[in-house]
C-alpha atoms as a PDB file:
ATOM      1  CA  MET A   1      45.120-114.979  36.437  1.00  0.00           C
ATOM      2  CA  PHE A   2      47.180-114.658  39.624  1.00  0.00           C
ATOM      3  CA  MET A   3      50.193-113.134  38.155  1.00  0.00           C
ATOM      4  CA  PRO A   4      48.668-110.210  36.568  1.00  0.00           C
ATOM      5  CA  GLU A   5      46.767-109.209  39.782  1.00  0.00           C
ATOM      6  CA  ARG A   6      49.867-109.519  41.675  1.00  0.00           C
ATOM      7  CA  ALA A   7      51.968-107.522  39.260  1.00  0.00           C
ATOM      8  CA  SER A   8      49.085-104.756  39.421  1.00  0.00           C
ATOM      9  CA  LEU A   9      49.303-104.727  43.118  1.00  0.00           C
ATOM     10  CA  ILE A  10      53.115-104.564  43.310  1.00  0.00           C
ATOM     11  CA  ALA A  11      53.023-101.733  40.872  1.00  0.00           C
ATOM     12  CA  LEU A  12      50.398 -99.835  42.737  1.00  0.00           C
ATOM     13  CA  VAL A  13      52.245-100.216  46.155  1.00  0.00           C
ATOM     14  CA  ALA A  14      55.389 -98.984  44.340  1.00  0.00           C
ATOM     15  CA  ALA A  15      53.601 -96.011  43.102  1.00  0.00           C
ATOM     16  CA  PHE A  16      52.402 -95.136  46.457  1.00  0.00           C
ATOM     17  CA  ALA A  17      55.823 -95.578  48.079  1.00  0.00           C
ATOM     18  CA  THR A  18      57.427 -93.298  45.269  1.00  0.00           C
ATOM     19  CA  ALA A  19      54.743 -90.637  45.799  1.00  0.00           C
ATOM     20  CA  ALA A  20      55.252 -90.745  49.642  1.00  0.00           C
ATOM     21  CA  ALA A  21      59.131 -90.292  49.281  1.00  0.00           C
ATOM     22  CA  PHE A  22      58.683 -87.350  46.783  1.00  0.00           C
ATOM     23  CA  ALA A  23      56.038 -85.727  49.305  1.00  0.00           C
ATOM     24  CA  GLN A  24      58.509 -85.844  51.929  1.00  0.00           C
ATOM     25  CA  GLU A  25      61.178 -84.066  49.879  1.00  0.00           C
ATOM     26  CA  SER A  26      61.193 -80.276  49.408  1.00  0.00           C
ATOM     27  CA  PRO A  27      63.264 -78.014  47.205  1.00  0.00           C
ATOM     28  CA  GLY A  28      63.874 -75.852  50.376  1.00  0.00           C
ATOM     29  CA  LEU A  29      62.439 -72.819  48.849  1.00  0.00           C
ATOM     30  CA  GLY A  30      60.495 -69.922  50.699  1.00  0.00           C
ATOM     31  CA  MET A  31      59.678 -69.875  54.220  1.00  0.00           C
ATOM     32  CA  PRO A  32      56.511 -70.037  56.396  1.00  0.00           C
ATOM     33  CA  ILE A  33      54.513 -66.645  56.319  1.00  0.00           C
ATOM     34  CA  SER A  34      53.850 -65.059  59.707  1.00  0.00           C
ATOM     35  CA  ALA A  35      50.432 -63.862  60.782  1.00  0.00           C
ATOM     36  CA  ALA A  36      51.706 -60.244  60.755  1.00  0.00           C
ATOM     37  CA  ASP A  37      53.134 -60.537  56.898  1.00  0.00           C
ATOM     38  CA  LEU A  38      49.972 -62.309  55.835  1.00  0.00           C
ATOM     39  CA  ALA A  39      47.687 -59.428  57.599  1.00  0.00           C
ATOM     40  CA  ALA A  40      49.726 -56.820  55.306  1.00  0.00           C
ATOM     41  CA  TRP A  41      48.337 -58.256  52.091  1.00  0.00           C
ATOM     42  CA  ASP A  42      44.901 -59.523  53.424  1.00  0.00           C
ATOM     43  CA  ILE A  43      43.388 -56.151  52.450  1.00  0.00           C
ATOM     44  CA  SER A  44      40.624 -57.378  50.100  1.00  0.00           C
ATOM     45  CA  ILE A  45      37.514 -55.112  49.900  1.00  0.00           C
ATOM     46  CA  GLU A  46      33.987 -56.868  49.238  1.00  0.00           C
ATOM     47  CA  PRO A  47      31.454 -55.266  47.137  1.00  0.00           C
ATOM     48  CA  ASP A  48      29.227 -54.562  50.105  1.00  0.00           C
ATOM     49  CA  GLY A  49      32.250 -52.526  51.565  1.00  0.00           C
ATOM     50  CA  THR A  50      33.244 -55.353  54.073  1.00  0.00           C
ATOM     51  CA  GLY A  51      37.002 -54.658  54.808  1.00  0.00           C
ATOM     52  CA  LEU A  52      36.904 -50.883  54.162  1.00  0.00           C
ATOM     53  CA  PRO A  53      39.370 -49.082  56.600  1.00  0.00           C
ATOM     54  CA  PRO A  54      38.510 -45.951  58.596  1.00  0.00           C
ATOM     55  CA  GLY A  55      39.132 -42.569  56.680  1.00  0.00           C
ATOM     56  CA  SER A  56      37.381 -40.426  54.251  1.00  0.00           C
ATOM     57  CA  GLY A  57      37.991 -38.279  51.293  1.00  0.00           C
ATOM     58  CA  THR A  58      36.372 -35.844  48.585  1.00  0.00           C
ATOM     59  CA  ALA A  59      37.074 -35.442  44.780  1.00  0.00           C
ATOM     60  CA  ARG A  60      38.292 -32.037  45.661  1.00  0.00           C
ATOM     61  CA  GLN A  61      41.051 -33.577  47.994  1.00  0.00           C
ATOM     62  CA  GLY A  62      41.669 -36.195  45.282  1.00  0.00           C
ATOM     63  CA  SER A  63      42.381 -33.971  42.577  1.00  0.00           C
ATOM     64  CA  GLY A  64      45.622 -32.855  43.915  1.00  0.00           C
ATOM     65  CA  ILE A  65      46.565 -36.517  44.661  1.00  0.00           C
ATOM     66  CA  TYR A  66      45.673 -37.302  41.258  1.00  0.00           C
ATOM     67  CA  THR A  67      47.839 -34.609  39.659  1.00  0.00           C
ATOM     68  CA  ALA A  68      50.647 -35.812  41.830  1.00  0.00           C
ATOM     69  CA  LYS A  69      50.390 -39.442  41.573  1.00  0.00           C
ATOM     70  CA  CYS A  70      48.314 -40.536  38.685  1.00  0.00           C
ATOM     71  CA  LEU A  71      48.389 -37.851  35.891  1.00  0.00           C
ATOM     72  CA  ALA A  72      51.759 -38.995  34.328  1.00  0.00           C
ATOM     73  CA  CYS A  73      50.129 -42.525  33.568  1.00  0.00           C
ATOM     74  CA  HIS A  74      46.413 -41.901  33.161  1.00  0.00           C
ATOM     75  CA  GLY A  75      46.293 -38.284  31.473  1.00  0.00           C
ATOM     76  CA  GLN A  76      44.458 -35.199  32.163  1.00  0.00           C
ATOM     77  CA  ASP A  77      41.172 -35.941  33.980  1.00  0.00           C
ATOM     78  CA  GLY A  78      41.543 -39.609  33.483  1.00  0.00           C
ATOM     79  CA  SER A  79      41.576 -39.422  29.629  1.00  0.00           C
ATOM     80  CA  GLY A  80      44.287 -41.848  29.332  1.00  0.00           C
ATOM     81  CA  GLN A  81      47.605 -42.396  27.748  1.00  0.00           C
ATOM     82  CA  PRO A  82      50.062 -43.823  28.189  1.00  0.00           C
ATOM     83  CA  ASN A  83      47.970 -46.213  30.328  1.00  0.00           C
ATOM     84  CA  ASP A  84      44.233 -46.969  30.861  1.00  0.00           C
ATOM     85  CA  ARG A  85      41.602 -44.422  30.370  1.00  0.00           C
ATOM     86  CA  LEU A  86      39.565 -44.014  33.675  1.00  0.00           C
ATOM     87  CA  ALA A  87      36.707 -41.501  32.775  1.00  0.00           C
ATOM     88  CA  GLY A  88      34.187 -41.578  29.984  1.00  0.00           C
ATOM     89  CA  GLY A  89      32.911 -44.210  27.739  1.00  0.00           C
ATOM     90  CA  HIS A  90      29.316 -44.096  28.801  1.00  0.00           C
ATOM     91  CA  GLY A  91      26.936 -45.694  26.536  1.00  0.00           C
ATOM     92  CA  THR A  92      29.810 -47.402  24.495  1.00  0.00           C
ATOM     93  CA  LEU A  93      29.704 -50.810  25.987  1.00  0.00           C
ATOM     94  CA  GLN A  94      27.415 -52.063  23.172  1.00  0.00           C
ATOM     95  CA  ASP A  95      29.634 -50.580  20.323  1.00  0.00           C
ATOM     96  CA  ALA A  96      32.109 -52.775  18.323  1.00  0.00           C
ATOM     97  CA  ASP A  97      34.910 -50.822  20.143  1.00  0.00           C
ATOM     98  CA  PRO A  98      33.579 -50.177  23.947  1.00  0.00           C
ATOM     99  CA  VAL A  99      35.448 -47.847  26.016  1.00  0.00           C
ATOM    100  CA  LYS A 100      35.657 -49.614  29.357  1.00  0.00           C
ATOM    101  CA  THR A 101      36.435 -46.968  31.970  1.00  0.00           C
ATOM    102  CA  VAL A 102      35.730 -46.788  35.836  1.00  0.00           C
ATOM    103  CA  GLY A 103      32.597 -44.985  35.064  1.00  0.00           C
ATOM    104  CA  SER A 104      31.241 -46.988  32.093  1.00  0.00           C
ATOM    105  CA  TYR A 105      32.097 -50.722  33.087  1.00  0.00           C
ATOM    106  CA  TRP A 106      33.142 -51.264  36.749  1.00  0.00           C
ATOM    107  CA  PRO A 107      30.129 -52.510  38.648  1.00  0.00           C
ATOM    108  CA  TYR A 108      31.248 -51.358  42.232  1.00  0.00           C
ATOM    109  CA  ALA A 109      32.716 -48.442  43.673  1.00  0.00           C
ATOM    110  CA  THR A 110      34.365 -50.530  46.293  1.00  0.00           C
ATOM    111  CA  THR A 111      36.250 -52.286  43.578  1.00  0.00           C
ATOM    112  CA  ILE A 112      37.805 -48.858  42.792  1.00  0.00           C
ATOM    113  CA  PHE A 113      38.809 -48.391  46.183  1.00  0.00           C
ATOM    114  CA  ASP A 114      40.374 -52.056  46.380  1.00  0.00           C
ATOM    115  CA  TYR A 115      42.518 -51.652  43.235  1.00  0.00           C
ATOM    116  CA  ILE A 116      43.935 -48.228  43.869  1.00  0.00           C
ATOM    117  CA  ARG A 117      44.995 -49.382  47.406  1.00  0.00           C
ATOM    118  CA  ARG A 118      46.282 -52.658  46.173  1.00  0.00           C
ATOM    119  CA  ALA A 119      48.048 -51.581  42.866  1.00  0.00           C
ATOM    120  CA  MET A 120      48.711 -47.814  42.416  1.00  0.00           C
ATOM    121  CA  PRO A 121      50.573 -45.849  42.036  1.00  0.00           C
ATOM    122  CA  PHE A 122      52.161 -48.513  39.799  1.00  0.00           C
ATOM    123  CA  THR A 123      55.651 -47.855  40.947  1.00  0.00           C
ATOM    124  CA  GLU A 124      54.764 -47.802  44.496  1.00  0.00           C
ATOM    125  CA  PRO A 125      51.887 -50.110  45.206  1.00  0.00           C
ATOM    126  CA  GLN A 126      50.128 -49.915  48.620  1.00  0.00           C
ATOM    127  CA  SER A 127      51.922 -46.746  49.292  1.00  0.00           C
ATOM    128  CA  LEU A 128      48.950 -44.363  49.751  1.00  0.00           C
ATOM    129  CA  ARG A 129      47.144 -43.852  52.832  1.00  0.00           C
ATOM    130  CA  ALA A 130      43.449 -44.719  53.338  1.00  0.00           C
ATOM    131  CA  ASP A 131      42.341 -40.975  53.108  1.00  0.00           C
ATOM    132  CA  GLU A 132      44.353 -40.639  49.828  1.00  0.00           C
ATOM    133  CA  VAL A 133      42.663 -43.764  48.363  1.00  0.00           C
ATOM    134  CA  TYR A 134      39.073 -42.628  49.515  1.00  0.00           C
ATOM    135  CA  ALA A 135      39.899 -39.154  47.932  1.00  0.00           C
ATOM    136  CA  LEU A 136      41.244 -40.748  44.658  1.00  0.00           C
ATOM    137  CA  THR A 137      38.199 -42.969  44.297  1.00  0.00           C
ATOM    138  CA  ALA A 138      36.108 -39.895  44.841  1.00  0.00           C
ATOM    139  CA  TYR A 139      37.786 -37.896  42.184  1.00  0.00           C
ATOM    140  CA  LEU A 140      37.472 -40.865  39.650  1.00  0.00           C
ATOM    141  CA  LEU A 141      33.821 -41.101  40.725  1.00  0.00           C
ATOM    142  CA  GLN A 142      33.384 -37.421  40.166  1.00  0.00           C
ATOM    143  CA  LEU A 143      35.277 -37.386  36.843  1.00  0.00           C
ATOM    144  CA  ASN A 144      32.707 -40.100  35.580  1.00  0.00           C
ATOM    145  CA  GLY A 145      29.790 -37.851  36.954  1.00  0.00           C
ATOM    146  CA  ILE A 146      28.648 -40.357  39.356  1.00  0.00           C
ATOM    147  CA  ILE A 147      29.174 -38.285  42.643  1.00  0.00           C
ATOM    148  CA  GLY A 148      29.685 -34.410  43.475  1.00  0.00           C
ATOM    149  CA  MET A 149      33.008 -32.702  44.039  1.00  0.00           C
ATOM    150  CA  ASP A 150      32.392 -32.306  47.760  1.00  0.00           C
ATOM    151  CA  ASP A 151      30.699 -35.714  48.339  1.00  0.00           C
ATOM    152  CA  VAL A 152      32.404 -37.500  51.123  1.00  0.00           C
ATOM    153  CA  MET A 153      33.379 -41.099  50.710  1.00  0.00           C
ATOM    154  CA  ASP A 154      34.054 -43.257  53.457  1.00  0.00           C
ATOM    155  CA  ALA A 155      33.316 -46.854  54.646  1.00  0.00           C
ATOM    156  CA  ALA A 156      29.697 -45.889  54.927  1.00  0.00           C
ATOM    157  CA  THR A 157      29.060 -44.002  51.826  1.00  0.00           C
ATOM    158  CA  LEU A 158      31.310 -45.594  49.198  1.00  0.00           C
ATOM    159  CA  PRO A 159      29.293 -48.950  49.110  1.00  0.00           C
ATOM    160  CA  GLN A 160      26.143 -46.949  48.551  1.00  0.00           C
ATOM    161  CA  VAL A 161      27.345 -45.490  45.321  1.00  0.00           C
ATOM    162  CA  GLU A 162      25.442 -46.890  42.372  1.00  0.00           C
ATOM    163  CA  MET A 163      27.594 -47.236  39.602  1.00  0.00           C
ATOM    164  CA  PRO A 164      26.092 -47.128  36.111  1.00  0.00           C
ATOM    165  CA  ASN A 165      26.816 -50.667  34.816  1.00  0.00           C
ATOM    166  CA  ARG A 166      26.093 -52.505  37.977  1.00  0.00           C
ATOM    167  CA  GLY A 167      23.043 -54.030  36.630  1.00  0.00           C
ATOM    168  CA  ASN A 168      24.542 -55.401  33.803  1.00  0.00           C
ATOM    169  CA  PHE A 169      27.014 -58.066  35.691  1.00  0.00           C
ATOM    170  CA  LEU A 170      25.943 -61.531  36.734  1.00  0.00           C
ATOM    171  CA  MET A 171      27.290 -63.141  39.780  1.00  0.00           C
ATOM    172  CA  ALA A 172      29.385 -66.077  38.666  1.00  0.00           C
ATOM    173  CA  TYR A 173      28.821 -68.002  41.835  1.00  0.00           C
ATOM    174  CA  PRO A 174      25.404 -66.673  43.128  1.00  0.00           C
ATOM    175  CA  ALA A 175      24.714 -67.391  46.768  1.00  0.00           C
ATOM    176  CA  LEU A 176      23.612 -71.130  47.649  1.00  0.00           C
ATOM    177  CA  PRO A 177      20.307 -71.359  49.217  1.00  0.00           C
ATOM    178  CA  GLU A 178      20.606 -72.357  53.051  1.00  0.00           C
END
């Protein structure tokens, strides 16, 4: 019995030694990120509006920005083609072929802001100023009949927008009791 236990112990020590050697080696790729570089990408917006920057915009202002920067990919009035449809689709989520748009599917208006700011326009992500993102968000909300043309969207008003499908989402990770 002594020999198998000793062999197991030797194998275990060898495995730890090998793992330690590999852990110290590195392919030498990349470099540490600076706090300033990280801050440029730390732009997440929470559903409650936490993280929204200063600024404001209306659908009327967003209309011209949409024409200049979004129309080619998302079509007239958010109708889609060649990329995703952004408006319409209300009442289709129970259909065999639901139309999932900003107005019919998305649960939070703040998510629209976050996505536009982070990823649009596709060819120049993060190139829009906060006022432009608020205006585009307002325009999409207006196209979907959620707000009016001159309603101002900003850090205070945007989180208050009630999206039509908000009540149909369940939190994957609900808050734990304290």
